[in-house]
Amino acid sequence: MAELLVFGLFFSAYAITRINNIELFEHYQQNLDTTAALINTLALISSSYFVIKSVLAIKLSQQQQAFRFMLCALLMGMVFIVVKTYEFSEHISQGITLSTNAFYMFYLSLAFFHYLHVILGLIILSVLAYNLNKNNYSAAENTGMETGASYWHMVDLVWLILFPLVYVM
């Protein structure tokens, strides 16, 4: 909940600043790679789908199936990291930094803060996959799976707000 509060405050500050600088924000939003953002959206939604399938599989005592779904979730999360890293490198090569203007300060800060949460989420999913492979979860005991899945879905939810707010609106 604390993480969602921080993102909520960040989104609010972005929206207020955007209202006061509409032309600046609209101009520089046009320079963002919406195709990369769409790929990232599909990657995170797919990843969350596989996390759900993994949790459901473990509740049905389908250990190997749960493990395979978790690996798929990790793969899709890595797609996000690769695409977002490419986007960041493109901005850096163009000389864009936090001090370029108000739009890029918010965009880069929000995107990088989310990026760090995705990395933490991937670490959590890796631990879940490791534990699944070691048969540490079962239909009777899957609290760790539920907790890790909840974090991953929070990361996905934040992106589903960030994507339209920064790339589309």
C-alpha atoms as a PDB file:
ATOM      1  CA  MET A   1       0.000   0.000   0.000  1.00  0.00           C
ATOM      2  CA  ALA A   2       2.888   2.354   0.749  1.00  0.00           C
ATOM      3  CA  GLU A   3       4.284   1.776  -2.738  1.00  0.00           C
ATOM      4  CA  LEU A   4       0.927   2.565  -4.309  1.00  0.00           C
ATOM      5  CA  LEU A   5       0.714   5.739  -2.209  1.00  0.00           C
ATOM      6  CA  VAL A   6       4.132   6.900  -3.440  1.00  0.00           C
ATOM      7  CA  PHE A   7       3.172   6.232  -7.051  1.00  0.00           C
ATOM      8  CA  GLY A   8      -0.176   7.969  -6.463  1.00  0.00           C
ATOM      9  CA  LEU A   9       1.562  11.090  -5.175  1.00  0.00           C
ATOM     10  CA  PHE A  10       3.974  10.984  -8.113  1.00  0.00           C
ATOM     11  CA  PHE A  11       1.081  10.631 -10.586  1.00  0.00           C
ATOM     12  CA  SER A  12      -0.746  13.541  -8.922  1.00  0.00           C
ATOM     13  CA  ALA A  13       2.315  15.799  -9.137  1.00  0.00           C
ATOM     14  CA  TYR A  14       2.704  14.798 -12.803  1.00  0.00           C
ATOM     15  CA  ALA A  15      -0.947  15.624 -13.565  1.00  0.00           C
ATOM     16  CA  ILE A  16      -0.811  19.013 -11.812  1.00  0.00           C
ATOM     17  CA  THR A  17       2.433  19.962 -13.550  1.00  0.00           C
ATOM     18  CA  ARG A  18       1.042  18.796 -16.896  1.00  0.00           C
ATOM     19  CA  ILE A  19      -2.049  20.998 -16.489  1.00  0.00           C
ATOM     20  CA  ASN A  20       0.239  24.001 -16.043  1.00  0.00           C
ATOM     21  CA  ASN A  21       2.487  23.016 -18.995  1.00  0.00           C
ATOM     22  CA  ILE A  22       0.143  21.356 -21.485  1.00  0.00           C
ATOM     23  CA  GLU A  23       1.988  22.459 -24.636  1.00  0.00           C
ATOM     24  CA  LEU A  24       5.381  21.342 -23.303  1.00  0.00           C
ATOM     25  CA  PHE A  25       4.063  17.942 -22.208  1.00  0.00           C
ATOM     26  CA  GLU A  26       2.131  17.309 -25.408  1.00  0.00           C
ATOM     27  CA  HIS A  27       5.122  18.257 -27.540  1.00  0.00           C
ATOM     28  CA  TYR A  28       7.582  15.952 -25.788  1.00  0.00           C
ATOM     29  CA  GLN A  29       5.114  13.092 -25.399  1.00  0.00           C
ATOM     30  CA  GLN A  30       5.163  12.884 -29.186  1.00  0.00           C
ATOM     31  CA  ASN A  31       8.836  11.865 -28.953  1.00  0.00           C
ATOM     32  CA  LEU A  32       8.143   8.789 -26.828  1.00  0.00           C
ATOM     33  CA  ASP A  33       8.194   5.350 -28.397  1.00  0.00           C
ATOM     34  CA  THR A  34       4.562   4.246 -28.114  1.00  0.00           C
ATOM     35  CA  THR A  35       5.315   0.948 -29.882  1.00  0.00           C
ATOM     36  CA  ALA A  36       7.841   0.058 -27.175  1.00  0.00           C
ATOM     37  CA  ALA A  37       5.331   1.112 -24.526  1.00  0.00           C
ATOM     38  CA  LEU A  38       2.642  -1.076 -26.092  1.00  0.00           C
ATOM     39  CA  ILE A  39       5.043  -4.045 -26.214  1.00  0.00           C
ATOM     40  CA  ASN A  40       5.815  -3.443 -22.535  1.00  0.00           C
ATOM     41  CA  THR A  41       2.114  -3.277 -21.702  1.00  0.00           C
ATOM     42  CA  LEU A  42       1.467  -6.588 -23.428  1.00  0.00           C
ATOM     43  CA  ALA A  43       4.543  -8.119 -21.756  1.00  0.00           C
ATOM     44  CA  LEU A  44       3.411  -7.133 -18.255  1.00  0.00           C
ATOM     45  CA  ILE A  45      -0.212  -8.176 -18.818  1.00  0.00           C
ATOM     46  CA  SER A  46       1.009 -11.519 -20.187  1.00  0.00           C
ATOM     47  CA  SER A  47       3.380 -11.921 -17.272  1.00  0.00           C
ATOM     48  CA  SER A  48       0.575 -11.301 -14.782  1.00  0.00           C
ATOM     49  CA  TYR A  49      -1.566 -13.840 -16.612  1.00  0.00           C
ATOM     50  CA  PHE A  50       1.179 -16.448 -16.217  1.00  0.00           C
ATOM     51  CA  VAL A  51       1.570 -15.586 -12.520  1.00  0.00           C
ATOM     52  CA  ILE A  52      -2.179 -16.153 -12.073  1.00  0.00           C
ATOM     53  CA  LYS A  53      -1.935 -19.470 -13.921  1.00  0.00           C
ATOM     54  CA  SER A  54       1.012 -20.469 -11.713  1.00  0.00           C
ATOM     55  CA  VAL A  55      -0.882 -19.701  -8.506  1.00  0.00           C
ATOM     56  CA  LEU A  56      -3.933 -21.589  -9.750  1.00  0.00           C
ATOM     57  CA  ALA A  57      -1.769 -24.564 -10.772  1.00  0.00           C
ATOM     58  CA  ILE A  58      -0.134 -24.830  -7.348  1.00  0.00           C
ATOM     59  CA  LYS A  59      -3.576 -24.734  -5.718  1.00  0.00           C
ATOM     60  CA  LEU A  60      -4.429 -27.756  -7.867  1.00  0.00           C
ATOM     61  CA  SER A  61      -1.172 -29.489  -6.835  1.00  0.00           C
ATOM     62  CA  GLN A  62       0.205 -29.173 -10.362  1.00  0.00           C
ATOM     63  CA  GLN A  63       3.774 -28.422  -9.295  1.00  0.00           C
ATOM     64  CA  GLN A  64       5.501 -28.701 -12.671  1.00  0.00           C
ATOM     65  CA  GLN A  65       2.778 -26.737 -14.429  1.00  0.00           C
ATOM     66  CA  ALA A  66       3.065 -23.985 -11.786  1.00  0.00           C
ATOM     67  CA  PHE A  67       6.842 -23.893 -12.303  1.00  0.00           C
ATOM     68  CA  ARG A  68       6.499 -23.622 -16.095  1.00  0.00           C
ATOM     69  CA  PHE A  69       3.953 -20.816 -15.812  1.00  0.00           C
ATOM     70  CA  MET A  70       6.271 -18.960 -13.434  1.00  0.00           C
ATOM     71  CA  LEU A  71       9.129 -19.281 -15.928  1.00  0.00           C
ATOM     72  CA  CYS A  72       6.849 -17.803 -18.599  1.00  0.00           C
ATOM     73  CA  ALA A  73       5.997 -14.937 -16.243  1.00  0.00           C
ATOM     74  CA  LEU A  74       9.713 -14.301 -15.703  1.00  0.00           C
ATOM     75  CA  LEU A  75      10.381 -14.345 -19.426  1.00  0.00           C
ATOM     76  CA  MET A  76       7.673 -11.771 -20.117  1.00  0.00           C
ATOM     77  CA  GLY A  77       8.965  -9.591 -17.280  1.00  0.00           C
ATOM     78  CA  MET A  78      12.413  -9.745 -18.850  1.00  0.00           C
ATOM     79  CA  VAL A  79      10.923  -8.590 -22.150  1.00  0.00           C
ATOM     80  CA  PHE A  80       9.769  -5.474 -20.307  1.00  0.00           C
ATOM     81  CA  ILE A  81      13.263  -4.891 -18.879  1.00  0.00           C
ATOM     82  CA  VAL A  82      14.959  -5.310 -22.272  1.00  0.00           C
ATOM     83  CA  VAL A  83      12.553  -2.955 -24.067  1.00  0.00           C
ATOM     84  CA  LYS A  84      12.634  -0.327 -21.305  1.00  0.00           C
ATOM     85  CA  THR A  85      16.447  -0.495 -21.161  1.00  0.00           C
ATOM     86  CA  TYR A  86      16.496   0.141 -24.909  1.00  0.00           C
ATOM     87  CA  GLU A  87      14.186   3.133 -24.442  1.00  0.00           C
ATOM     88  CA  PHE A  88      16.386   4.563 -21.683  1.00  0.00           C
ATOM     89  CA  SER A  89      19.515   4.102 -23.804  1.00  0.00           C
ATOM     90  CA  GLU A  90      17.854   5.937 -26.704  1.00  0.00           C
ATOM     91  CA  HIS A  91      17.040   8.883 -24.448  1.00  0.00           C
ATOM     92  CA  ILE A  92      20.557   8.962 -23.034  1.00  0.00           C
ATOM     93  CA  SER A  93      22.078   8.857 -26.528  1.00  0.00           C
ATOM     94  CA  GLN A  94      19.923  11.859 -27.458  1.00  0.00           C
ATOM     95  CA  GLY A  95      21.229  13.767 -24.429  1.00  0.00           C
ATOM     96  CA  ILE A  96      17.907  13.638 -22.597  1.00  0.00           C
ATOM     97  CA  THR A  97      18.235  13.794 -18.807  1.00  0.00           C
ATOM     98  CA  LEU A  98      16.144  14.668 -15.770  1.00  0.00           C
ATOM     99  CA  SER A  99      17.156  18.307 -16.228  1.00  0.00           C
ATOM    100  CA  THR A 100      16.120  18.531 -19.909  1.00  0.00           C
ATOM    101  CA  ASN A 101      12.663  19.866 -18.999  1.00  0.00           C
ATOM    102  CA  ALA A 102       9.701  19.229 -16.659  1.00  0.00           C
ATOM    103  CA  PHE A 103       8.214  16.554 -18.899  1.00  0.00           C
ATOM    104  CA  TYR A 104      11.384  14.469 -19.065  1.00  0.00           C
ATOM    105  CA  MET A 105      12.002  14.947 -15.354  1.00  0.00           C
ATOM    106  CA  PHE A 106       8.639  13.340 -14.616  1.00  0.00           C
ATOM    107  CA  TYR A 107       8.778  10.764 -17.404  1.00  0.00           C
ATOM    108  CA  LEU A 108      12.271   9.518 -16.562  1.00  0.00           C
ATOM    109  CA  SER A 109      11.631   9.557 -12.812  1.00  0.00           C
ATOM    110  CA  LEU A 110       8.330   7.693 -13.062  1.00  0.00           C
ATOM    111  CA  ALA A 111       9.600   5.235 -15.652  1.00  0.00           C
ATOM    112  CA  PHE A 112      12.824   4.496 -13.773  1.00  0.00           C
ATOM    113  CA  PHE A 113      11.038   4.163 -10.409  1.00  0.00           C
ATOM    114  CA  HIS A 114       8.678   1.648 -12.018  1.00  0.00           C
ATOM    115  CA  TYR A 115      11.620  -0.083 -13.751  1.00  0.00           C
ATOM    116  CA  LEU A 116      13.250  -0.638 -10.340  1.00  0.00           C
ATOM    117  CA  HIS A 117       9.998  -2.145  -9.065  1.00  0.00           C
ATOM    118  CA  VAL A 118       9.906  -4.495 -12.045  1.00  0.00           C
ATOM    119  CA  ILE A 119      13.458  -5.619 -11.239  1.00  0.00           C
ATOM    120  CA  LEU A 120      12.466  -6.278  -7.615  1.00  0.00           C
ATOM    121  CA  GLY A 121       9.371  -8.095  -8.879  1.00  0.00           C
ATOM    122  CA  LEU A 122      11.512 -10.290 -11.109  1.00  0.00           C
ATOM    123  CA  ILE A 123      13.706 -11.158  -8.141  1.00  0.00           C
ATOM    124  CA  ILE A 124      10.571 -12.130  -6.208  1.00  0.00           C
ATOM    125  CA  LEU A 125       9.285 -14.208  -9.133  1.00  0.00           C
ATOM    126  CA  SER A 126      12.703 -15.887  -9.390  1.00  0.00           C
ATOM    127  CA  VAL A 127      12.502 -16.871  -5.728  1.00  0.00           C
ATOM    128  CA  LEU A 128       9.003 -18.222  -6.313  1.00  0.00           C
ATOM    129  CA  ALA A 129      10.228 -20.233  -9.313  1.00  0.00           C
ATOM    130  CA  TYR A 130      13.143 -21.591  -7.271  1.00  0.00           C
ATOM    131  CA  ASN A 131      10.776 -22.621  -4.471  1.00  0.00           C
ATOM    132  CA  LEU A 132       8.374 -24.183  -6.950  1.00  0.00           C
ATOM    133  CA  ASN A 133      11.226 -26.187  -8.425  1.00  0.00           C
ATOM    134  CA  LYS A 134      12.144 -27.374  -4.901  1.00  0.00           C
ATOM    135  CA  ASN A 135       8.509 -28.333  -4.207  1.00  0.00           C
ATOM    136  CA  ASN A 136       8.267 -25.810  -1.372  1.00  0.00           C
ATOM    137  CA  TYR A 137       4.677 -24.881  -2.213  1.00  0.00           C
ATOM    138  CA  SER A 138       1.590 -27.048  -2.240  1.00  0.00           C
ATOM    139  CA  ALA A 139      -2.161 -26.781  -2.469  1.00  0.00           C
ATOM    140  CA  ALA A 140      -2.210 -26.558   1.334  1.00  0.00           C
ATOM    141  CA  GLU A 141       0.657 -24.064   1.720  1.00  0.00           C
ATOM    142  CA  ASN A 142       1.019 -21.381  -0.925  1.00  0.00           C
ATOM    143  CA  THR A 143       1.075 -18.146   1.077  1.00  0.00           C
ATOM    144  CA  GLY A 144       4.451 -17.188  -0.407  1.00  0.00           C
ATOM    145  CA  MET A 145       3.044 -17.614  -3.904  1.00  0.00           C
ATOM    146  CA  GLU A 146       0.051 -15.410  -3.090  1.00  0.00           C
ATOM    147  CA  THR A 147       2.241 -12.709  -1.554  1.00  0.00           C
ATOM    148  CA  GLY A 148       4.711 -12.652  -4.441  1.00  0.00           C
ATOM    149  CA  ALA A 149       1.869 -12.660  -6.973  1.00  0.00           C
ATOM    150  CA  SER A 150       0.251  -9.697  -5.201  1.00  0.00           C
ATOM    151  CA  TYR A 151       3.447  -7.671  -5.477  1.00  0.00           C
ATOM    152  CA  TRP A 152       3.777  -8.501  -9.169  1.00  0.00           C
ATOM    153  CA  HIS A 153       0.166  -7.489  -9.820  1.00  0.00           C
ATOM    154  CA  MET A 154       0.814  -4.174  -8.038  1.00  0.00           C
ATOM    155  CA  VAL A 155       3.738  -3.546 -10.411  1.00  0.00           C
ATOM    156  CA  ASP A 156       1.461  -4.377 -13.354  1.00  0.00           C
ATOM    157  CA  LEU A 157      -1.309  -2.110 -12.041  1.00  0.00           C
ATOM    158  CA  VAL A 158       1.097   0.822 -11.726  1.00  0.00           C
ATOM    159  CA  TRP A 159       2.166   0.337 -15.358  1.00  0.00           C
ATOM    160  CA  LEU A 160      -1.477   0.227 -16.462  1.00  0.00           C
ATOM    161  CA  ILE A 161      -1.834   3.720 -14.964  1.00  0.00           C
ATOM    162  CA  LEU A 162       1.581   4.971 -16.082  1.00  0.00           C
ATOM    163  CA  PHE A 163       1.168   3.882 -19.717  1.00  0.00           C
ATOM    164  CA  PRO A 164      -1.918   5.964 -20.587  1.00  0.00           C
ATOM    165  CA  LEU A 165      -0.904   8.843 -18.296  1.00  0.00           C
ATOM    166  CA  VAL A 166       2.523   9.360 -19.870  1.00  0.00           C
ATOM    167  CA  TYR A 167       2.307   7.820 -23.350  1.00  0.00           C
ATOM    168  CA  VAL A 168      -1.294   8.330 -24.442  1.00  0.00           C
ATOM    169  CA  MET A 169      -3.036  11.166 -22.601  1.00  0.00           C
END
